[in-house]
């Protein structure tokens, strides 16, 4: 098939584009052209690259038409964050594409009322990102069920892989938490460290997109989680990381309001966003309908990312 990937050079695209090429697809990579994939791969030499400023072209009302003119069988949108963006693209692609796959987020759920959370749970999103992604999901599923538009949604957890800092045991993306554990120093966590985070390796997200494409008739009109099969508590996560460095975790705990005063406000906000959502999602639907199981556990995905941080000198062993 001819497959257009929007946002191709990011976390997921780094793994998805080579998989598509190796599967024999004709791939068109659409991006702003401002960065290279996180990991090099020879498959990129076989990809048609299109440079596009999505925000500017959407403002002009031309982006959807431009994507449609690429005449793809399947379009994978990895960087849609506004319902208006989804509407423009769907309008242009209606009747012109066999499969449309959108990258959402487990944050469409809001806080988990029961765990593991399944895809059919009522949506209670909060925060700008989660609310907007839930609105996009509602729109795409309505178009799929009402009008037959061939949409599938994939909702990843905390995307993780080598080349960027994963969500840390402190719930943010400051690598200082990893360094503290590597040093055997005391790491202070919010509350009792029992909130959960649920990472997923970027290649496992790429794989579930591939599985959804391979099971198109089953996947259309559905949403699927993409997470590691188990979630981690902040405490358990910290203890595992310390162990990787041959240390015993020295942990202390503070009530939220006292803890947030110990870090910059922007870090506190990122931590709050992660632990307030406290994702713990089920992968049963993807396994049942798509035959998909993640290859990486959460800790395996994180370890690969931390190893790169060490290799790059971001985190040092002492």
C-alpha atoms as a PDB file:
ATOM      1  CA  UNK A   1       0.000   0.000   0.000  1.00  0.00           C
ATOM      2  CA  UNK A   2       0.908   3.637  -0.253  1.00  0.00           C
ATOM      3  CA  UNK A   3       1.083   4.939   3.331  1.00  0.00           C
ATOM      4  CA  UNK A   4       1.382   8.566   4.377  1.00  0.00           C
ATOM      5  CA  UNK A   5       2.787   9.152   7.877  1.00  0.00           C
ATOM      6  CA  UNK A   6       2.226  12.630   9.325  1.00  0.00           C
ATOM      7  CA  UNK A   7       4.819  13.487  11.962  1.00  0.00           C
ATOM      8  CA  UNK A   8       7.106  10.763  10.668  1.00  0.00           C
ATOM      9  CA  UNK A   9      10.377  11.801  12.317  1.00  0.00           C
ATOM     10  CA  UNK A  10       9.140  11.732  15.921  1.00  0.00           C
ATOM     11  CA  UNK A  11       9.178   9.078  18.638  1.00  0.00           C
ATOM     12  CA  UNK A  12       6.791   6.623  16.993  1.00  0.00           C
ATOM     13  CA  UNK A  13       7.750   7.401  13.403  1.00  0.00           C
ATOM     14  CA  UNK A  14      11.382   6.555  14.138  1.00  0.00           C
ATOM     15  CA  UNK A  15      10.278   2.923  14.448  1.00  0.00           C
ATOM     16  CA  UNK A  16       7.095   2.905  12.371  1.00  0.00           C
ATOM     17  CA  UNK A  17       8.508   4.173   9.093  1.00  0.00           C
ATOM     18  CA  UNK A  18      11.225   1.476   8.846  1.00  0.00           C
ATOM     19  CA  UNK A  19       8.654  -1.197   9.721  1.00  0.00           C
ATOM     20  CA  UNK A  20       6.361   0.031   6.958  1.00  0.00           C
ATOM     21  CA  UNK A  21       9.186   0.037   4.417  1.00  0.00           C
ATOM     22  CA  UNK A  22      10.358  -3.436   5.451  1.00  0.00           C
ATOM     23  CA  UNK A  23       6.762  -4.674   5.033  1.00  0.00           C
ATOM     24  CA  UNK A  24       6.876  -3.546   1.392  1.00  0.00           C
ATOM     25  CA  UNK A  25       4.760  -0.407   1.621  1.00  0.00           C
ATOM     26  CA  UNK A  26       5.393   2.753  -0.400  1.00  0.00           C
ATOM     27  CA  UNK A  27       5.913   5.305   2.382  1.00  0.00           C
ATOM     28  CA  UNK A  28       5.536   9.076   2.272  1.00  0.00           C
ATOM     29  CA  UNK A  29       6.907  10.809   5.368  1.00  0.00           C
ATOM     30  CA  UNK A  30       5.339  14.192   6.118  1.00  0.00           C
ATOM     31  CA  UNK A  31       7.077  16.400   8.682  1.00  0.00           C
ATOM     32  CA  UNK A  32       8.372  19.903   9.246  1.00  0.00           C
ATOM     33  CA  UNK A  33      11.826  18.660   8.277  1.00  0.00           C
ATOM     34  CA  UNK A  34      13.431  20.171  11.365  1.00  0.00           C
ATOM     35  CA  UNK A  35      14.869  17.000  12.897  1.00  0.00           C
ATOM     36  CA  UNK A  36      16.183  13.578  12.043  1.00  0.00           C
ATOM     37  CA  UNK A  37      14.643  10.350  13.434  1.00  0.00           C
ATOM     38  CA  UNK A  38      15.943   9.404  16.863  1.00  0.00           C
ATOM     39  CA  UNK A  39      17.729   6.347  15.467  1.00  0.00           C
ATOM     40  CA  UNK A  40      19.198   6.011  11.939  1.00  0.00           C
ATOM     41  CA  UNK A  41      17.911   3.276   9.641  1.00  0.00           C
ATOM     42  CA  UNK A  42      18.632   2.487   6.006  1.00  0.00           C
ATOM     43  CA  UNK A  43      14.912   2.235   5.260  1.00  0.00           C
ATOM     44  CA  UNK A  44      14.677   6.033   5.263  1.00  0.00           C
ATOM     45  CA  UNK A  45      16.543   6.056   1.957  1.00  0.00           C
ATOM     46  CA  UNK A  46      13.487   4.439   0.361  1.00  0.00           C
ATOM     47  CA  UNK A  47      10.996   6.960   1.779  1.00  0.00           C
ATOM     48  CA  UNK A  48       9.488   9.901  -0.069  1.00  0.00           C
ATOM     49  CA  UNK A  49       9.840  12.953   2.154  1.00  0.00           C
ATOM     50  CA  UNK A  50       7.388  15.837   2.123  1.00  0.00           C
ATOM     51  CA  UNK A  51       8.151  18.952   4.164  1.00  0.00           C
ATOM     52  CA  UNK A  52       5.054  20.711   5.464  1.00  0.00           C
ATOM     53  CA  UNK A  53       4.246  23.297   8.103  1.00  0.00           C
ATOM     54  CA  UNK A  54       0.974  21.805   9.286  1.00  0.00           C
ATOM     55  CA  UNK A  55      -0.088  24.710  11.474  1.00  0.00           C
ATOM     56  CA  UNK A  56       0.446  27.291   8.741  1.00  0.00           C
ATOM     57  CA  UNK A  57      -1.192  25.199   6.044  1.00  0.00           C
ATOM     58  CA  UNK A  58      -4.189  24.412   8.248  1.00  0.00           C
ATOM     59  CA  UNK A  59      -4.635  28.131   8.847  1.00  0.00           C
ATOM     60  CA  UNK A  60      -4.768  28.551   5.065  1.00  0.00           C
ATOM     61  CA  UNK A  61      -7.156  25.605   4.750  1.00  0.00           C
ATOM     62  CA  UNK A  62      -4.772  23.699   2.459  1.00  0.00           C
ATOM     63  CA  UNK A  63      -3.229  20.963   4.615  1.00  0.00           C
ATOM     64  CA  UNK A  64      -6.003  18.394   4.269  1.00  0.00           C
ATOM     65  CA  UNK A  65      -6.122  18.825   0.516  1.00  0.00           C
ATOM     66  CA  UNK A  66      -2.334  18.494   0.305  1.00  0.00           C
ATOM     67  CA  UNK A  67      -2.414  15.174   2.165  1.00  0.00           C
ATOM     68  CA  UNK A  68      -5.312  13.926   0.039  1.00  0.00           C
ATOM     69  CA  UNK A  69      -3.385  14.730  -3.128  1.00  0.00           C
ATOM     70  CA  UNK A  70      -0.671  12.277  -2.031  1.00  0.00           C
ATOM     71  CA  UNK A  71      -3.211   9.563  -2.956  1.00  0.00           C
ATOM     72  CA  UNK A  72      -2.521   7.244  -0.051  1.00  0.00           C
ATOM     73  CA  UNK A  73      -4.280   3.989   0.737  1.00  0.00           C
ATOM     74  CA  UNK A  74      -3.640   4.612   4.433  1.00  0.00           C
ATOM     75  CA  UNK A  75      -2.877   7.790   6.382  1.00  0.00           C
ATOM     76  CA  UNK A  76      -1.324   7.648   9.855  1.00  0.00           C
ATOM     77  CA  UNK A  77      -1.594  10.901  11.804  1.00  0.00           C
ATOM     78  CA  UNK A  78       0.835  10.997  14.722  1.00  0.00           C
ATOM     79  CA  UNK A  79       0.616  14.723  15.531  1.00  0.00           C
ATOM     80  CA  UNK A  80      -3.017  15.832  15.638  1.00  0.00           C
ATOM     81  CA  UNK A  81      -3.853  17.826  18.769  1.00  0.00           C
ATOM     82  CA  UNK A  82      -6.950  19.854  17.803  1.00  0.00           C
ATOM     83  CA  UNK A  83     -10.397  18.682  16.743  1.00  0.00           C
ATOM     84  CA  UNK A  84     -10.355  21.303  13.990  1.00  0.00           C
ATOM     85  CA  UNK A  85      -7.200  19.673  12.595  1.00  0.00           C
ATOM     86  CA  UNK A  86      -8.890  16.273  12.550  1.00  0.00           C
ATOM     87  CA  UNK A  87     -11.988  17.703  10.893  1.00  0.00           C
ATOM     88  CA  UNK A  88     -10.011  19.358   8.104  1.00  0.00           C
ATOM     89  CA  UNK A  89      -8.098  16.176   7.379  1.00  0.00           C
ATOM     90  CA  UNK A  90     -11.128  13.880   7.517  1.00  0.00           C
ATOM     91  CA  UNK A  91     -13.120  16.166   5.220  1.00  0.00           C
ATOM     92  CA  UNK A  92     -10.327  16.053   2.644  1.00  0.00           C
ATOM     93  CA  UNK A  93      -9.788  12.290   2.933  1.00  0.00           C
ATOM     94  CA  UNK A  94     -13.412  11.117   2.948  1.00  0.00           C
ATOM     95  CA  UNK A  95     -13.870   8.704   0.063  1.00  0.00           C
ATOM     96  CA  UNK A  96     -10.165   8.869  -0.793  1.00  0.00           C
ATOM     97  CA  UNK A  97      -8.492   6.630   1.798  1.00  0.00           C
ATOM     98  CA  UNK A  98      -8.985   3.004   2.874  1.00  0.00           C
ATOM     99  CA  UNK A  99      -7.678   3.413   6.423  1.00  0.00           C
ATOM    100  CA  UNK A 100      -7.034   6.406   8.660  1.00  0.00           C
ATOM    101  CA  UNK A 101      -5.109   5.838  11.893  1.00  0.00           C
ATOM    102  CA  UNK A 102      -4.856   8.487  14.599  1.00  0.00           C
ATOM    103  CA  UNK A 103      -2.455   8.591  17.542  1.00  0.00           C
ATOM    104  CA  UNK A 104      -4.329   9.551  20.705  1.00  0.00           C
ATOM    105  CA  UNK A 105      -3.379   9.096  24.365  1.00  0.00           C
ATOM    106  CA  UNK A 106      -4.502   7.150  27.423  1.00  0.00           C
ATOM    107  CA  UNK A 107      -5.171  10.573  28.949  1.00  0.00           C
ATOM    108  CA  UNK A 108      -8.567  10.557  27.223  1.00  0.00           C
ATOM    109  CA  UNK A 109      -9.688   8.605  30.291  1.00  0.00           C
ATOM    110  CA  UNK A 110      -8.794  11.087  33.009  1.00  0.00           C
ATOM    111  CA  UNK A 111      -8.320   9.495  36.441  1.00  0.00           C
ATOM    112  CA  UNK A 112      -8.861   5.740  36.652  1.00  0.00           C
ATOM    113  CA  UNK A 113     -11.925   4.786  38.669  1.00  0.00           C
ATOM    114  CA  UNK A 114     -11.092   1.104  38.420  1.00  0.00           C
ATOM    115  CA  UNK A 115      -8.001  -0.649  37.132  1.00  0.00           C
ATOM    116  CA  UNK A 116      -6.937  -1.881  34.760  1.00  0.00           C
ATOM    117  CA  UNK A 117      -8.896   0.671  32.728  1.00  0.00           C
ATOM    118  CA  UNK A 118     -10.447  -0.680  29.537  1.00  0.00           C
ATOM    119  CA  UNK A 119     -11.201   1.228  26.341  1.00  0.00           C
ATOM    120  CA  UNK A 120     -14.958   1.209  26.979  1.00  0.00           C
ATOM    121  CA  UNK A 121     -14.777   3.149  30.264  1.00  0.00           C
ATOM    122  CA  UNK A 122     -16.573   6.532  30.336  1.00  0.00           C
ATOM    123  CA  UNK A 123     -14.312   9.453  29.393  1.00  0.00           C
ATOM    124  CA  UNK A 124     -13.534  11.930  32.180  1.00  0.00           C
ATOM    125  CA  UNK A 125     -10.585  13.835  30.730  1.00  0.00           C
ATOM    126  CA  UNK A 126      -9.043  16.883  32.370  1.00  0.00           C
ATOM    127  CA  UNK A 127      -6.333  19.285  31.323  1.00  0.00           C
ATOM    128  CA  UNK A 128      -6.023  20.839  27.887  1.00  0.00           C
ATOM    129  CA  UNK A 129      -4.225  17.892  26.274  1.00  0.00           C
ATOM    130  CA  UNK A 130      -6.529  15.157  27.531  1.00  0.00           C
ATOM    131  CA  UNK A 131      -9.726  17.118  26.848  1.00  0.00           C
ATOM    132  CA  UNK A 132      -8.719  17.934  23.274  1.00  0.00           C
ATOM    133  CA  UNK A 133      -7.616  14.392  22.531  1.00  0.00           C
ATOM    134  CA  UNK A 134     -10.910  13.044  23.882  1.00  0.00           C
ATOM    135  CA  UNK A 135     -12.799  15.444  21.615  1.00  0.00           C
ATOM    136  CA  UNK A 136     -10.821  14.206  18.608  1.00  0.00           C
ATOM    137  CA  UNK A 137     -11.574  10.608  19.564  1.00  0.00           C
ATOM    138  CA  UNK A 138     -15.289  11.318  19.889  1.00  0.00           C
ATOM    139  CA  UNK A 139     -15.347  13.021  16.487  1.00  0.00           C
ATOM    140  CA  UNK A 140     -13.437  10.264  14.677  1.00  0.00           C
ATOM    141  CA  UNK A 141     -15.506   7.463  16.184  1.00  0.00           C
ATOM    142  CA  UNK A 142     -18.721   9.292  15.331  1.00  0.00           C
ATOM    143  CA  UNK A 143     -17.596   9.648  11.712  1.00  0.00           C
ATOM    144  CA  UNK A 144     -16.596   5.977  11.644  1.00  0.00           C
ATOM    145  CA  UNK A 145     -19.861   4.674  13.094  1.00  0.00           C
ATOM    146  CA  UNK A 146     -22.212   7.131  11.401  1.00  0.00           C
ATOM    147  CA  UNK A 147     -20.592   7.676   8.018  1.00  0.00           C
ATOM    148  CA  UNK A 148     -18.245   4.741   7.585  1.00  0.00           C
ATOM    149  CA  UNK A 149     -15.077   6.792   7.668  1.00  0.00           C
ATOM    150  CA  UNK A 150     -12.319   4.162   8.192  1.00  0.00           C
ATOM    151  CA  UNK A 151     -10.793   5.524  11.414  1.00  0.00           C
ATOM    152  CA  UNK A 152      -8.798   3.621  14.046  1.00  0.00           C
ATOM    153  CA  UNK A 153      -7.378   5.218  17.198  1.00  0.00           C
ATOM    154  CA  UNK A 154      -4.282   4.107  19.099  1.00  0.00           C
ATOM    155  CA  UNK A 155      -3.882   5.481  22.650  1.00  0.00           C
ATOM    156  CA  UNK A 156      -0.280   5.189  23.919  1.00  0.00           C
ATOM    157  CA  UNK A 157       0.898   5.588  27.474  1.00  0.00           C
ATOM    158  CA  UNK A 158       4.247   7.244  28.294  1.00  0.00           C
ATOM    159  CA  UNK A 159       6.180   6.690  25.067  1.00  0.00           C
ATOM    160  CA  UNK A 160       9.708   5.568  25.845  1.00  0.00           C
ATOM    161  CA  UNK A 161      12.864   4.754  23.921  1.00  0.00           C
ATOM    162  CA  UNK A 162      16.512   5.669  23.433  1.00  0.00           C
ATOM    163  CA  UNK A 163      17.202   9.268  22.489  1.00  0.00           C
ATOM    164  CA  UNK A 164      14.933  11.115  24.903  1.00  0.00           C
ATOM    165  CA  UNK A 165      14.256  11.224  28.640  1.00  0.00           C
ATOM    166  CA  UNK A 166      11.396   8.957  29.713  1.00  0.00           C
ATOM    167  CA  UNK A 167       8.967   9.891  32.475  1.00  0.00           C
ATOM    168  CA  UNK A 168      11.059   9.405  35.616  1.00  0.00           C
ATOM    169  CA  UNK A 169      10.216   7.980  39.058  1.00  0.00           C
ATOM    170  CA  UNK A 170       9.484  11.593  40.051  1.00  0.00           C
ATOM    171  CA  UNK A 171       6.767  11.732  37.392  1.00  0.00           C
ATOM    172  CA  UNK A 172       8.484  14.344  35.214  1.00  0.00           C
ATOM    173  CA  UNK A 173      11.171  14.321  32.527  1.00  0.00           C
ATOM    174  CA  UNK A 174      14.069  15.816  34.498  1.00  0.00           C
ATOM    175  CA  UNK A 175      16.897  13.229  34.383  1.00  0.00           C
ATOM    176  CA  UNK A 176      18.052  14.439  37.808  1.00  0.00           C
ATOM    177  CA  UNK A 177      15.902  11.714  39.396  1.00  0.00           C
ATOM    178  CA  UNK A 178      17.926   9.061  37.554  1.00  0.00           C
ATOM    179  CA  UNK A 179      21.188  10.715  38.639  1.00  0.00           C
ATOM    180  CA  UNK A 180      20.052  10.827  42.262  1.00  0.00           C
ATOM    181  CA  UNK A 181      19.330   7.092  42.196  1.00  0.00           C
ATOM    182  CA  UNK A 182      22.615   6.368  40.416  1.00  0.00           C
ATOM    183  CA  UNK A 183      24.469   8.260  43.149  1.00  0.00           C
ATOM    184  CA  UNK A 184      22.707   6.391  45.936  1.00  0.00           C
ATOM    185  CA  UNK A 185      21.418   9.716  47.261  1.00  0.00           C
ATOM    186  CA  UNK A 186      17.969  10.291  48.730  1.00  0.00           C
ATOM    187  CA  UNK A 187      15.144  10.786  46.271  1.00  0.00           C
ATOM    188  CA  UNK A 188      12.048  12.512  47.618  1.00  0.00           C
ATOM    189  CA  UNK A 189       8.783  11.390  46.026  1.00  0.00           C
ATOM    190  CA  UNK A 190       5.291  12.885  46.308  1.00  0.00           C
ATOM    191  CA  UNK A 191       2.714  11.326  48.616  1.00  0.00           C
ATOM    192  CA  UNK A 192       3.621   7.670  49.258  1.00  0.00           C
ATOM    193  CA  UNK A 193       5.002   6.939  45.804  1.00  0.00           C
ATOM    194  CA  UNK A 194       2.045   4.692  45.040  1.00  0.00           C
ATOM    195  CA  UNK A 195       0.678   6.507  41.980  1.00  0.00           C
ATOM    196  CA  UNK A 196       1.223   4.564  38.783  1.00  0.00           C
ATOM    197  CA  UNK A 197       2.811   5.333  35.448  1.00  0.00           C
ATOM    198  CA  UNK A 198       2.549   3.077  32.410  1.00  0.00           C
ATOM    199  CA  UNK A 199       5.316   3.362  29.872  1.00  0.00           C
ATOM    200  CA  UNK A 200       5.416   1.841  26.407  1.00  0.00           C
ATOM    201  CA  UNK A 201       8.360   1.407  24.080  1.00  0.00           C
ATOM    202  CA  UNK A 202       7.969   3.477  20.912  1.00  0.00           C
ATOM    203  CA  UNK A 203       8.558   0.364  18.832  1.00  0.00           C
ATOM    204  CA  UNK A 204       5.622  -1.373  20.517  1.00  0.00           C
ATOM    205  CA  UNK A 205       3.456   1.599  19.531  1.00  0.00           C
ATOM    206  CA  UNK A 206       4.751   1.256  15.979  1.00  0.00           C
ATOM    207  CA  UNK A 207       3.911  -2.453  16.068  1.00  0.00           C
ATOM    208  CA  UNK A 208       0.319  -1.875  17.145  1.00  0.00           C
ATOM    209  CA  UNK A 209      -0.178   0.527  14.235  1.00  0.00           C
ATOM    210  CA  UNK A 210       1.127  -2.217  11.951  1.00  0.00           C
ATOM    211  CA  UNK A 211      -1.188  -4.776  13.561  1.00  0.00           C
ATOM    212  CA  UNK A 212      -4.173  -2.459  13.172  1.00  0.00           C
ATOM    213  CA  UNK A 213      -3.384  -1.988   9.492  1.00  0.00           C
ATOM    214  CA  UNK A 214      -3.086  -5.745   9.050  1.00  0.00           C
ATOM    215  CA  UNK A 215      -6.504  -6.213  10.718  1.00  0.00           C
ATOM    216  CA  UNK A 216      -8.246  -3.305   9.048  1.00  0.00           C
ATOM    217  CA  UNK A 217     -11.756  -4.748   9.033  1.00  0.00           C
ATOM    218  CA  UNK A 218     -11.541  -5.409  12.765  1.00  0.00           C
ATOM    219  CA  UNK A 219      -9.729  -2.197  13.678  1.00  0.00           C
ATOM    220  CA  UNK A 220     -11.912   0.361  11.884  1.00  0.00           C
ATOM    221  CA  UNK A 221     -14.202   2.193  14.283  1.00  0.00           C
ATOM    222  CA  UNK A 222     -12.221   1.101  17.346  1.00  0.00           C
ATOM    223  CA  UNK A 223      -9.842   2.568  19.932  1.00  0.00           C
ATOM    224  CA  UNK A 224      -6.958   0.558  21.350  1.00  0.00           C
ATOM    225  CA  UNK A 225      -4.575   1.155  24.238  1.00  0.00           C
ATOM    226  CA  UNK A 226      -0.843   0.853  23.612  1.00  0.00           C
ATOM    227  CA  UNK A 227       0.982   0.418  26.913  1.00  0.00           C
ATOM    228  CA  UNK A 228       3.233  -2.074  28.648  1.00  0.00           C
ATOM    229  CA  UNK A 229       1.157  -4.895  30.078  1.00  0.00           C
ATOM    230  CA  UNK A 230       1.762  -3.739  33.663  1.00  0.00           C
ATOM    231  CA  UNK A 231       1.972  -0.327  35.289  1.00  0.00           C
ATOM    232  CA  UNK A 232       4.665   0.806  37.735  1.00  0.00           C
ATOM    233  CA  UNK A 233       4.291   2.601  41.021  1.00  0.00           C
ATOM    234  CA  UNK A 234       6.693   5.517  41.409  1.00  0.00           C
ATOM    235  CA  UNK A 235       8.201   3.722  44.397  1.00  0.00           C
ATOM    236  CA  UNK A 236       8.718   0.421  42.610  1.00  0.00           C
ATOM    237  CA  UNK A 237      10.108   2.231  39.578  1.00  0.00           C
ATOM    238  CA  UNK A 238      12.655   4.097  41.732  1.00  0.00           C
ATOM    239  CA  UNK A 239      13.734   0.902  43.457  1.00  0.00           C
ATOM    240  CA  UNK A 240      14.305  -0.824  40.113  1.00  0.00           C
ATOM    241  CA  UNK A 241      16.382   2.044  38.708  1.00  0.00           C
ATOM    242  CA  UNK A 242      18.551   2.198  41.820  1.00  0.00           C
ATOM    243  CA  UNK A 243      19.163  -1.525  41.449  1.00  0.00           C
ATOM    244  CA  UNK A 244      20.415  -1.047  37.892  1.00  0.00           C
ATOM    245  CA  UNK A 245      23.179   1.135  39.292  1.00  0.00           C
ATOM    246  CA  UNK A 246      24.009  -1.331  42.061  1.00  0.00           C
ATOM    247  CA  UNK A 247      22.377   0.848  44.698  1.00  0.00           C
ATOM    248  CA  UNK A 248      19.646   0.439  47.252  1.00  0.00           C
ATOM    249  CA  UNK A 249      16.972   3.074  46.771  1.00  0.00           C
ATOM    250  CA  UNK A 250      16.974   5.723  49.481  1.00  0.00           C
ATOM    251  CA  UNK A 251      13.471   7.152  49.305  1.00  0.00           C
ATOM    252  CA  UNK A 252      11.626   9.777  51.302  1.00  0.00           C
ATOM    253  CA  UNK A 253       8.063  10.980  50.891  1.00  0.00           C
ATOM    254  CA  UNK A 254       6.283  14.308  51.294  1.00  0.00           C
ATOM    255  CA  UNK A 255       2.620  15.307  50.976  1.00  0.00           C
ATOM    256  CA  UNK A 256       1.924  16.772  47.547  1.00  0.00           C
ATOM    257  CA  UNK A 257       1.851  20.466  48.484  1.00  0.00           C
ATOM    258  CA  UNK A 258       5.112  20.166  50.393  1.00  0.00           C
ATOM    259  CA  UNK A 259       6.735  18.120  47.653  1.00  0.00           C
ATOM    260  CA  UNK A 260       5.833  20.517  44.836  1.00  0.00           C
ATOM    261  CA  UNK A 261       7.599  23.321  46.717  1.00  0.00           C
ATOM    262  CA  UNK A 262      10.863  21.380  46.414  1.00  0.00           C
ATOM    263  CA  UNK A 263      10.993  21.465  42.587  1.00  0.00           C
ATOM    264  CA  UNK A 264      10.505  24.165  39.911  1.00  0.00           C
ATOM    265  CA  UNK A 265       6.867  24.878  39.161  1.00  0.00           C
ATOM    266  CA  UNK A 266       7.064  23.588  35.587  1.00  0.00           C
ATOM    267  CA  UNK A 267       8.419  20.237  36.830  1.00  0.00           C
ATOM    268  CA  UNK A 268       5.727  20.083  39.489  1.00  0.00           C
ATOM    269  CA  UNK A 269       3.051  20.625  36.845  1.00  0.00           C
ATOM    270  CA  UNK A 270       4.414  17.823  34.660  1.00  0.00           C
ATOM    271  CA  UNK A 271       4.505  15.500  37.672  1.00  0.00           C
ATOM    272  CA  UNK A 272       0.964  16.462  38.630  1.00  0.00           C
ATOM    273  CA  UNK A 273      -0.275  15.740  35.101  1.00  0.00           C
ATOM    274  CA  UNK A 274       1.269  12.287  35.172  1.00  0.00           C
ATOM    275  CA  UNK A 275       0.312  11.165  38.663  1.00  0.00           C
ATOM    276  CA  UNK A 276      -3.158  12.722  38.610  1.00  0.00           C
ATOM    277  CA  UNK A 277      -3.942  10.625  35.536  1.00  0.00           C
ATOM    278  CA  UNK A 278      -2.107   7.708  37.160  1.00  0.00           C
ATOM    279  CA  UNK A 279      -2.659   5.439  34.140  1.00  0.00           C
ATOM    280  CA  UNK A 280      -3.136   1.721  34.550  1.00  0.00           C
ATOM    281  CA  UNK A 281      -4.690   0.481  31.334  1.00  0.00           C
ATOM    282  CA  UNK A 282      -5.585  -2.916  29.948  1.00  0.00           C
ATOM    283  CA  UNK A 283      -4.097  -4.372  26.750  1.00  0.00           C
ATOM    284  CA  UNK A 284      -6.720  -7.124  26.502  1.00  0.00           C
ATOM    285  CA  UNK A 285      -8.647  -5.571  23.617  1.00  0.00           C
ATOM    286  CA  UNK A 286      -5.578  -5.195  21.396  1.00  0.00           C
ATOM    287  CA  UNK A 287      -4.574  -8.773  22.109  1.00  0.00           C
ATOM    288  CA  UNK A 288      -8.077 -10.089  21.446  1.00  0.00           C
ATOM    289  CA  UNK A 289      -8.859  -8.150  18.264  1.00  0.00           C
ATOM    290  CA  UNK A 290      -5.434  -7.470  16.780  1.00  0.00           C
ATOM    291  CA  UNK A 291      -3.332 -10.289  18.172  1.00  0.00           C
ATOM    292  CA  UNK A 292      -0.994  -7.681  19.631  1.00  0.00           C
ATOM    293  CA  UNK A 293       1.171  -8.131  22.711  1.00  0.00           C
ATOM    294  CA  UNK A 294       3.932  -5.692  23.687  1.00  0.00           C
ATOM    295  CA  UNK A 295       7.450  -7.061  23.371  1.00  0.00           C
ATOM    296  CA  UNK A 296       8.845  -4.772  26.059  1.00  0.00           C
ATOM    297  CA  UNK A 297       7.899  -4.622  29.701  1.00  0.00           C
ATOM    298  CA  UNK A 298       7.822  -1.113  31.126  1.00  0.00           C
ATOM    299  CA  UNK A 299      11.145  -1.627  32.885  1.00  0.00           C
ATOM    300  CA  UNK A 300      12.782  -3.035  29.743  1.00  0.00           C
ATOM    301  CA  UNK A 301      11.680   0.007  27.750  1.00  0.00           C
ATOM    302  CA  UNK A 302      12.927   2.375  30.437  1.00  0.00           C
ATOM    303  CA  UNK A 303      16.235   0.523  30.818  1.00  0.00           C
ATOM    304  CA  UNK A 304      16.961   0.937  27.120  1.00  0.00           C
ATOM    305  CA  UNK A 305      16.331   4.665  27.393  1.00  0.00           C
ATOM    306  CA  UNK A 306      18.413   5.035  30.563  1.00  0.00           C
ATOM    307  CA  UNK A 307      21.295   3.118  28.983  1.00  0.00           C
ATOM    308  CA  UNK A 308      21.338   5.734  26.204  1.00  0.00           C
ATOM    309  CA  UNK A 309      21.284   8.543  28.770  1.00  0.00           C
ATOM    310  CA  UNK A 310      24.351   6.977  30.377  1.00  0.00           C
ATOM    311  CA  UNK A 311      26.071   6.493  27.023  1.00  0.00           C
ATOM    312  CA  UNK A 312      25.386  10.134  26.126  1.00  0.00           C
ATOM    313  CA  UNK A 313      26.712  11.367  29.470  1.00  0.00           C
ATOM    314  CA  UNK A 314      23.340  12.741  30.610  1.00  0.00           C
ATOM    315  CA  UNK A 315      23.454  10.370  33.598  1.00  0.00           C
ATOM    316  CA  UNK A 316      26.797   9.252  34.998  1.00  0.00           C
ATOM    317  CA  UNK A 317      27.832   6.206  36.995  1.00  0.00           C
ATOM    318  CA  UNK A 318      29.953   6.938  40.050  1.00  0.00           C
END
